[in-house]
PDB file of N, CA and C in Angstrom:
ATOM      1  N   MET A   1     -52.401 -51.548 -63.340  1.00  0.00           N
ATOM      2  CA  MET A   1     -51.352 -51.246 -62.387  1.00  0.00           C
ATOM      3  C   MET A   1     -51.901 -50.282 -61.324  1.00  0.00           C
ATOM      4  N   ILE A   2     -51.639 -50.584 -60.056  1.00  0.00           N
ATOM      5  CA  ILE A   2     -52.094 -49.739 -58.952  1.00  0.00           C
ATOM      6  C   ILE A   2     -50.965 -48.797 -58.563  1.00  0.00           C
ATOM      7  N   SER A   3     -51.267 -47.524 -58.509  1.00  0.00           N
ATOM      8  CA  SER A   3     -50.274 -46.523 -58.130  1.00  0.00           C
ATOM      9  C   SER A   3     -50.205 -46.403 -56.610  1.00  0.00           C
ATOM     10  N   ARG A   4     -48.994 -46.417 -56.061  1.00  0.00           N
ATOM     11  CA  ARG A   4     -48.785 -46.234 -54.626  1.00  0.00           C
ATOM     12  C   ARG A   4     -48.188 -44.858 -54.350  1.00  0.00           C
ATOM     13  N   GLN A   5     -48.272 -43.987 -55.329  1.00  0.00           N
ATOM     14  CA  GLN A   5     -47.628 -42.685 -55.262  1.00  0.00           C
ATOM     15  C   GLN A   5     -48.104 -41.851 -54.073  1.00  0.00           C
ATOM     16  N   ASN A   6     -49.373 -41.916 -53.732  1.00  0.00           N
ATOM     17  CA  ASN A   6     -49.911 -41.071 -52.664  1.00  0.00           C
ATOM     18  C   ASN A   6     -49.986 -41.759 -51.303  1.00  0.00           C
ATOM     19  N   GLU A   7     -49.495 -42.991 -51.204  1.00  0.00           N
ATOM     20  CA  GLU A   7     -49.503 -43.688 -49.924  1.00  0.00           C
ATOM     21  C   GLU A   7     -48.327 -43.215 -49.069  1.00  0.00           C
ATOM     22  N   PRO A   8     -48.543 -43.091 -47.768  1.00  0.00           N
ATOM     23  CA  PRO A   8     -47.424 -42.682 -46.906  1.00  0.00           C
ATOM     24  C   PRO A   8     -46.356 -43.771 -46.847  1.00  0.00           C
ATOM     25  N   ALA A   9     -45.119 -43.360 -46.660  1.00  0.00           N
ATOM     26  CA  ALA A   9     -44.014 -44.307 -46.543  1.00  0.00           C
ATOM     27  C   ALA A   9     -44.194 -45.146 -45.288  1.00  0.00           C
ATOM     28  N   GLU A  10     -43.782 -46.396 -45.373  1.00  0.00           N
ATOM     29  CA  GLU A  10     -43.905 -47.307 -44.238  1.00  0.00           C
ATOM     30  C   GLU A  10     -42.946 -46.888 -43.120  1.00  0.00           C
ATOM     31  N   LYS A  11     -43.434 -46.932 -41.891  1.00  0.00           N
ATOM     32  CA  LYS A  11     -42.595 -46.619 -40.738  1.00  0.00           C
ATOM     33  C   LYS A  11     -42.261 -47.910 -40.006  1.00  0.00           C
ATOM     34  N   MET A  12     -41.078 -47.929 -39.413  1.00  0.00           N
ATOM     35  CA  MET A  12     -40.612 -49.088 -38.657  1.00  0.00           C
ATOM     36  C   MET A  12     -40.005 -48.594 -37.350  1.00  0.00           C
ATOM     37  N   LEU A  13     -39.948 -49.484 -36.355  1.00  0.00           N
ATOM     38  CA  LEU A  13     -39.272 -49.129 -35.118  1.00  0.00           C
ATOM     39  C   LEU A  13     -37.797 -48.889 -35.406  1.00  0.00           C
ATOM     40  N   GLN A  14     -37.297 -47.778 -34.920  1.00  0.00           N
ATOM     41  CA  GLN A  14     -35.901 -47.408 -35.100  1.00  0.00           C
ATOM     42  C   GLN A  14     -35.346 -46.938 -33.756  1.00  0.00           C
ATOM     43  N   PRO A  15     -34.037 -47.107 -33.533  1.00  0.00           N
ATOM     44  CA  PRO A  15     -33.448 -46.675 -32.264  1.00  0.00           C
ATOM     45  C   PRO A  15     -33.354 -45.154 -32.180  1.00  0.00           C
ATOM     46  N   VAL A  16     -33.534 -44.663 -30.964  1.00  0.00           N
ATOM     47  CA  VAL A  16     -33.399 -43.236 -30.655  1.00  0.00           C
ATOM     48  C   VAL A  16     -32.666 -43.149 -29.314  1.00  0.00           C
ATOM     49  N   PHE A  17     -31.703 -42.271 -29.207  1.00  0.00           N
ATOM     50  CA  PHE A  17     -31.018 -42.047 -27.931  1.00  0.00           C
ATOM     51  C   PHE A  17     -31.656 -40.862 -27.221  1.00  0.00           C
ATOM     52  N   ILE A  18     -31.768 -40.976 -25.892  1.00  0.00           N
ATOM     53  CA  ILE A  18     -32.238 -39.876 -25.059  1.00  0.00           C
ATOM     54  C   ILE A  18     -31.091 -39.501 -24.129  1.00  0.00           C
ATOM     55  N   LEU A  19     -30.619 -38.266 -24.238  1.00  0.00           N
ATOM     56  CA  LEU A  19     -29.517 -37.773 -23.411  1.00  0.00           C
ATOM     57  C   LEU A  19     -29.991 -36.528 -22.673  1.00  0.00           C
ATOM     58  N   ARG A  20     -30.035 -36.602 -21.350  1.00  0.00           N
ATOM     59  CA  ARG A  20     -30.507 -35.492 -20.505  1.00  0.00           C
ATOM     60  C   ARG A  20     -31.874 -34.985 -20.965  1.00  0.00           C
ATOM     61  N   GLY A  21     -32.756 -35.919 -21.338  1.00  0.00           N
ATOM     62  CA  GLY A  21     -34.116 -35.575 -21.736  1.00  0.00           C
ATOM     63  C   GLY A  21     -34.276 -35.116 -23.180  1.00  0.00           C
ATOM     64  N   ILE A  22     -33.197 -35.094 -23.937  1.00  0.00           N
ATOM     65  CA  ILE A  22     -33.242 -34.622 -25.329  1.00  0.00           C
ATOM     66  C   ILE A  22     -33.093 -35.820 -26.266  1.00  0.00           C
ATOM     67  N   PRO A  23     -34.009 -35.981 -27.235  1.00  0.00           N
ATOM     68  CA  PRO A  23     -33.897 -37.098 -28.170  1.00  0.00           C
ATOM     69  C   PRO A  23     -32.867 -36.817 -29.274  1.00  0.00           C
ATOM     70  N   TYR A  24     -32.136 -37.851 -29.630  1.00  0.00           N
ATOM     71  CA  TYR A  24     -31.186 -37.792 -30.740  1.00  0.00           C
ATOM     72  C   TYR A  24     -31.574 -38.889 -31.724  1.00  0.00           C
ATOM     73  N   TYR A  25     -31.985 -38.453 -32.906  1.00  0.00           N
ATOM     74  CA  TYR A  25     -32.508 -39.358 -33.921  1.00  0.00           C
ATOM     75  C   TYR A  25     -31.412 -39.777 -34.884  1.00  0.00           C
ATOM     76  N   PRO A  26     -31.501 -41.006 -35.415  1.00  0.00           N
ATOM     77  CA  PRO A  26     -30.476 -41.439 -36.367  1.00  0.00           C
ATOM     78  C   PRO A  26     -30.522 -40.594 -37.635  1.00  0.00           C
ATOM     79  N   HIS A  27     -29.372 -40.139 -38.061  1.00  0.00           N
ATOM     80  CA  HIS A  27     -29.284 -39.385 -39.310  1.00  0.00           C
ATOM     81  C   HIS A  27     -29.775 -40.287 -40.429  1.00  0.00           C
ATOM     82  N   TYR A  28     -30.422 -39.722 -41.405  1.00  0.00           N
ATOM     83  CA  TYR A  28     -31.022 -40.544 -42.448  1.00  0.00           C
ATOM     84  C   TYR A  28     -29.979 -41.282 -43.292  1.00  0.00           C
ATOM     85  N   SER A  29     -28.844 -40.647 -43.559  1.00  0.00           N
ATOM     86  CA  SER A  29     -27.870 -41.302 -44.437  1.00  0.00           C
ATOM     87  C   SER A  29     -26.457 -41.427 -43.855  1.00  0.00           C
ATOM     88  N   GLU A  30     -26.092 -40.608 -42.885  1.00  0.00           N
ATOM     89  CA  GLU A  30     -24.744 -40.673 -42.312  1.00  0.00           C
ATOM     90  C   GLU A  30     -24.709 -41.683 -41.177  1.00  0.00           C
ATOM     91  N   ARG A  31     -23.920 -42.728 -41.373  1.00  0.00           N
ATOM     92  CA  ARG A  31     -23.860 -43.823 -40.409  1.00  0.00           C
ATOM     93  C   ARG A  31     -23.328 -43.363 -39.052  1.00  0.00           C
ATOM     94  N   HIS A  32     -23.986 -43.858 -38.004  1.00  0.00           N
ATOM     95  CA  HIS A  32     -23.575 -43.605 -36.621  1.00  0.00           C
ATOM     96  C   HIS A  32     -23.497 -42.121 -36.267  1.00  0.00           C
ATOM     97  N   ARG A  33     -24.396 -41.345 -36.859  1.00  0.00           N
ATOM     98  CA  ARG A  33     -24.564 -39.930 -36.521  1.00  0.00           C
ATOM     99  C   ARG A  33     -25.984 -39.745 -36.007  1.00  0.00           C
ATOM    100  N   TRP A  34     -26.116 -39.082 -34.880  1.00  0.00           N
ATOM    101  CA  TRP A  34     -27.392 -38.881 -34.202  1.00  0.00           C
ATOM    102  C   TRP A  34     -27.635 -37.391 -34.073  1.00  0.00           C
ATOM    103  N   VAL A  35     -28.789 -36.938 -34.500  1.00  0.00           N
ATOM    104  CA  VAL A  35     -29.079 -35.517 -34.634  1.00  0.00           C
ATOM    105  C   VAL A  35     -30.086 -35.075 -33.574  1.00  0.00           C
ATOM    106  N   GLY A  36     -29.723 -34.003 -32.864  1.00  0.00           N
ATOM    107  CA  GLY A  36     -30.615 -33.425 -31.870  1.00  0.00           C
ATOM    108  C   GLY A  36     -31.539 -32.396 -32.503  1.00  0.00           C
ATOM    109  N   PRO A  37     -32.458 -31.863 -31.705  1.00  0.00           N
ATOM    110  CA  PRO A  37     -33.413 -30.885 -32.237  1.00  0.00           C
ATOM    111  C   PRO A  37     -32.742 -29.549 -32.570  1.00  0.00           C
ATOM    112  N   GLY A  38     -33.374 -28.801 -33.440  1.00  0.00           N
ATOM    113  CA  GLY A  38     -32.883 -27.466 -33.790  1.00  0.00           C
ATOM    114  C   GLY A  38     -32.590 -27.329 -35.264  1.00  0.00           C
ATOM    115  N   ARG A  39     -32.265 -26.116 -35.633  1.00  0.00           N
ATOM    116  CA  ARG A  39     -31.898 -25.833 -37.023  1.00  0.00           C
ATOM    117  C   ARG A  39     -30.581 -26.498 -37.364  1.00  0.00           C
ATOM    118  N   LYS A  40     -30.359 -26.672 -38.634  1.00  0.00           N
ATOM    119  CA  LYS A  40     -29.150 -27.352 -39.098  1.00  0.00           C
ATOM    120  C   LYS A  40     -27.879 -26.731 -38.527  1.00  0.00           C
ATOM    121  N   THR A  41     -27.860 -25.425 -38.389  1.00  0.00           N
ATOM    122  CA  THR A  41     -26.661 -24.739 -37.898  1.00  0.00           C
ATOM    123  C   THR A  41     -26.560 -24.736 -36.377  1.00  0.00           C
ATOM    124  N   GLU A  42     -27.635 -25.130 -35.679  1.00  0.00           N
ATOM    125  CA  GLU A  42     -27.660 -25.052 -34.220  1.00  0.00           C
ATOM    126  C   GLU A  42     -27.741 -26.397 -33.518  1.00  0.00           C
ATOM    127  N   CYS A  43     -28.168 -27.452 -34.223  1.00  0.00           N
ATOM    128  CA  CYS A  43     -28.390 -28.731 -33.552  1.00  0.00           C
ATOM    129  C   CYS A  43     -27.063 -29.425 -33.257  1.00  0.00           C
ATOM    130  N   LYS A  44     -27.097 -30.262 -32.230  1.00  0.00           N
ATOM    131  CA  LYS A  44     -25.913 -31.039 -31.885  1.00  0.00           C
ATOM    132  C   LYS A  44     -25.996 -32.392 -32.581  1.00  0.00           C
ATOM    133  N   ILE A  45     -24.853 -32.867 -33.036  1.00  0.00           N
ATOM    134  CA  ILE A  45     -24.753 -34.171 -33.672  1.00  0.00           C
ATOM    135  C   ILE A  45     -23.695 -34.968 -32.918  1.00  0.00           C
ATOM    136  N   TYR A  46     -24.067 -36.173 -32.516  1.00  0.00           N
ATOM    137  CA  TYR A  46     -23.152 -37.048 -31.783  1.00  0.00           C
ATOM    138  C   TYR A  46     -22.969 -38.356 -32.539  1.00  0.00           C
ATOM    139  N   THR A  47     -21.891 -39.054 -32.238  1.00  0.00           N
ATOM    140  CA  THR A  47     -21.687 -40.402 -32.768  1.00  0.00           C
ATOM    141  C   THR A  47     -22.349 -41.402 -31.826  1.00  0.00           C
ATOM    142  N   THR A  48     -22.523 -42.617 -32.299  1.00  0.00           N
ATOM    143  CA  THR A  48     -23.069 -43.685 -31.468  1.00  0.00           C
ATOM    144  C   THR A  48     -22.181 -43.895 -30.251  1.00  0.00           C
ATOM    145  N   ALA A  49     -20.875 -43.934 -30.468  1.00  0.00           N
ATOM    146  CA  ALA A  49     -19.934 -44.165 -29.373  1.00  0.00           C
ATOM    147  C   ALA A  49     -20.014 -43.068 -28.313  1.00  0.00           C
ATOM    148  N   ALA A  50     -20.124 -41.814 -28.742  1.00  0.00           N
ATOM    149  CA  ALA A  50     -20.189 -40.700 -27.793  1.00  0.00           C
ATOM    150  C   ALA A  50     -21.457 -40.782 -26.945  1.00  0.00           C
ATOM    151  N   LEU A  51     -22.600 -41.062 -27.571  1.00  0.00           N
ATOM    152  CA  LEU A  51     -23.848 -41.156 -26.806  1.00  0.00           C
ATOM    153  C   LEU A  51     -23.802 -42.312 -25.821  1.00  0.00           C
ATOM    154  N   ALA A  52     -23.218 -43.435 -26.218  1.00  0.00           N
ATOM    155  CA  ALA A  52     -23.077 -44.564 -25.301  1.00  0.00           C
ATOM    156  C   ALA A  52     -22.160 -44.195 -24.136  1.00  0.00           C
ATOM    157  N   GLU A  53     -21.068 -43.501 -24.430  1.00  0.00           N
ATOM    158  CA  GLU A  53     -20.121 -43.071 -23.394  1.00  0.00           C
ATOM    159  C   GLU A  53     -20.771 -42.100 -22.406  1.00  0.00           C
ATOM    160  N   PHE A  54     -21.640 -41.222 -22.898  1.00  0.00           N
ATOM    161  CA  PHE A  54     -22.333 -40.256 -22.037  1.00  0.00           C
ATOM    162  C   PHE A  54     -23.466 -40.889 -21.242  1.00  0.00           C
ATOM    163  N   GLY A  55     -23.755 -42.176 -21.492  1.00  0.00           N
ATOM    164  CA  GLY A  55     -24.808 -42.864 -20.748  1.00  0.00           C
ATOM    165  C   GLY A  55     -26.209 -42.582 -21.257  1.00  0.00           C
ATOM    166  N   ALA A  56     -26.343 -42.243 -22.537  1.00  0.00           N
ATOM    167  CA  ALA A  56     -27.665 -41.966 -23.108  1.00  0.00           C
ATOM    168  C   ALA A  56     -28.516 -43.236 -23.088  1.00  0.00           C
ATOM    169  N   GLU A  57     -29.806 -43.050 -22.882  1.00  0.00           N
ATOM    170  CA  GLU A  57     -30.758 -44.163 -22.872  1.00  0.00           C
ATOM    171  C   GLU A  57     -31.170 -44.484 -24.307  1.00  0.00           C
ATOM    172  N   LEU A  58     -31.242 -45.766 -24.622  1.00  0.00           N
ATOM    173  CA  LEU A  58     -31.642 -46.200 -25.956  1.00  0.00           C
ATOM    174  C   LEU A  58     -33.108 -46.623 -25.920  1.00  0.00           C
ATOM    175  N   VAL A  59     -33.935 -45.983 -26.734  1.00  0.00           N
ATOM    176  CA  VAL A  59     -35.360 -46.298 -26.840  1.00  0.00           C
ATOM    177  C   VAL A  59     -35.677 -46.526 -28.325  1.00  0.00           C
ATOM    178  N   THR A  60     -36.933 -46.809 -28.630  1.00  0.00           N
ATOM    179  CA  THR A  60     -37.323 -46.956 -30.029  1.00  0.00           C
ATOM    180  C   THR A  60     -38.528 -46.077 -30.328  1.00  0.00           C
ATOM    181  N   GLU A  61     -38.625 -45.654 -31.584  1.00  0.00           N
ATOM    182  CA  GLU A  61     -39.766 -44.881 -32.072  1.00  0.00           C
ATOM    183  C   GLU A  61     -40.067 -45.318 -33.503  1.00  0.00           C
ATOM    184  N   LEU A  62     -41.324 -45.144 -33.900  1.00  0.00           N
ATOM    185  CA  LEU A  62     -41.692 -45.422 -35.279  1.00  0.00           C
ATOM    186  C   LEU A  62     -41.248 -44.263 -36.167  1.00  0.00           C
ATOM    187  N   MET A  63     -40.486 -44.587 -37.196  1.00  0.00           N
ATOM    188  CA  MET A  63     -40.054 -43.581 -38.160  1.00  0.00           C
ATOM    189  C   MET A  63     -39.622 -44.281 -39.432  1.00  0.00           C
ATOM    190  N   TRP A  64     -39.316 -43.508 -40.448  1.00  0.00           N
ATOM    191  CA  TRP A  64     -38.832 -44.101 -41.690  1.00  0.00           C
ATOM    192  C   TRP A  64     -37.539 -44.857 -41.394  1.00  0.00           C
ATOM    193  N   PRO A  65     -37.401 -46.025 -41.977  1.00  0.00           N
ATOM    194  CA  PRO A  65     -36.205 -46.823 -41.686  1.00  0.00           C
ATOM    195  C   PRO A  65     -34.927 -46.191 -42.237  1.00  0.00           C
ATOM    196  N   ARG A  66     -33.869 -46.383 -41.485  1.00  0.00           N
ATOM    197  CA  ARG A  66     -32.531 -45.969 -41.919  1.00  0.00           C
ATOM    198  C   ARG A  66     -31.792 -47.231 -42.344  1.00  0.00           C
ATOM    199  N   SER A  67     -30.925 -47.131 -43.309  1.00  0.00           N
ATOM    200  CA  SER A  67     -30.240 -48.320 -43.826  1.00  0.00           C
ATOM    201  C   SER A  67     -29.191 -48.866 -42.868  1.00  0.00           C
ATOM    202  N   TRP A  68     -28.710 -48.065 -41.950  1.00  0.00           N
ATOM    203  CA  TRP A  68     -27.568 -48.457 -41.129  1.00  0.00           C
ATOM    204  C   TRP A  68     -27.896 -48.799 -39.680  1.00  0.00           C
ATOM    205  N   THR A  69     -29.117 -48.607 -39.226  1.00  0.00           N
ATOM    206  CA  THR A  69     -29.392 -48.762 -37.789  1.00  0.00           C
ATOM    207  C   THR A  69     -29.278 -50.191 -37.288  1.00  0.00           C
ATOM    208  N   GLU A  70     -29.286 -51.169 -38.170  1.00  0.00           N
ATOM    209  CA  GLU A  70     -29.094 -52.551 -37.730  1.00  0.00           C
ATOM    210  C   GLU A  70     -27.710 -52.758 -37.117  1.00  0.00           C
ATOM    211  N   GLU A  71     -26.794 -51.837 -37.391  1.00  0.00           N
ATOM    212  CA  GLU A  71     -25.432 -51.931 -36.852  1.00  0.00           C
ATOM    213  C   GLU A  71     -25.351 -51.532 -35.381  1.00  0.00           C
ATOM    214  N   VAL A  72     -26.381 -50.895 -34.854  1.00  0.00           N
ATOM    215  CA  VAL A  72     -26.384 -50.441 -33.459  1.00  0.00           C
ATOM    216  C   VAL A  72     -26.787 -51.638 -32.596  1.00  0.00           C
ATOM    217  N   ARG A  73     -25.873 -52.129 -31.817  1.00  0.00           N
ATOM    218  CA  ARG A  73     -26.103 -53.353 -31.041  1.00  0.00           C
ATOM    219  C   ARG A  73     -27.139 -53.160 -29.951  1.00  0.00           C
ATOM    220  N   GLY A  74     -27.969 -54.169 -29.796  1.00  0.00           N
ATOM    221  CA  GLY A  74     -28.852 -54.231 -28.645  1.00  0.00           C
ATOM    222  C   GLY A  74     -30.232 -53.617 -28.828  1.00  0.00           C
ATOM    223  N   TRP A  75     -30.450 -52.743 -29.800  1.00  0.00           N
ATOM    224  CA  TRP A  75     -31.733 -52.063 -29.831  1.00  0.00           C
ATOM    225  C   TRP A  75     -32.857 -52.979 -30.269  1.00  0.00           C
ATOM    226  N   ARG A  76     -32.595 -54.014 -31.034  1.00  0.00           N
ATOM    227  CA  ARG A  76     -33.633 -54.939 -31.480  1.00  0.00           C
ATOM    228  C   ARG A  76     -34.180 -55.755 -30.305  1.00  0.00           C
ATOM    229  N   ALA A  77     -33.425 -55.885 -29.246  1.00  0.00           N
ATOM    230  CA  ALA A  77     -33.877 -56.653 -28.084  1.00  0.00           C
ATOM    231  C   ALA A  77     -34.915 -55.892 -27.266  1.00  0.00           C
ATOM    232  N   MET A  78     -35.124 -54.635 -27.595  1.00  0.00           N
ATOM    233  CA  MET A  78     -36.056 -53.799 -26.833  1.00  0.00           C
ATOM    234  C   MET A  78     -37.494 -54.121 -27.176  1.00  0.00           C
TER     235      MET A  78
END
């Protein structure tokens, strides 16, 4: 048996919103929550709907896959 314990986790393209130059990454487990930079008590968290309403740009980055990001329309076409 081959151990994969020390191999890095696979990364996949995932959607990221950019609002006024600040990236908002998909929360790892909370659906449709996007987390900005900063400490847990200081960072801003937005919903998918709010970022779309504010006109945030949707881009992609390589990161660990989230289970819910397939629900965000349009990012796979990028």
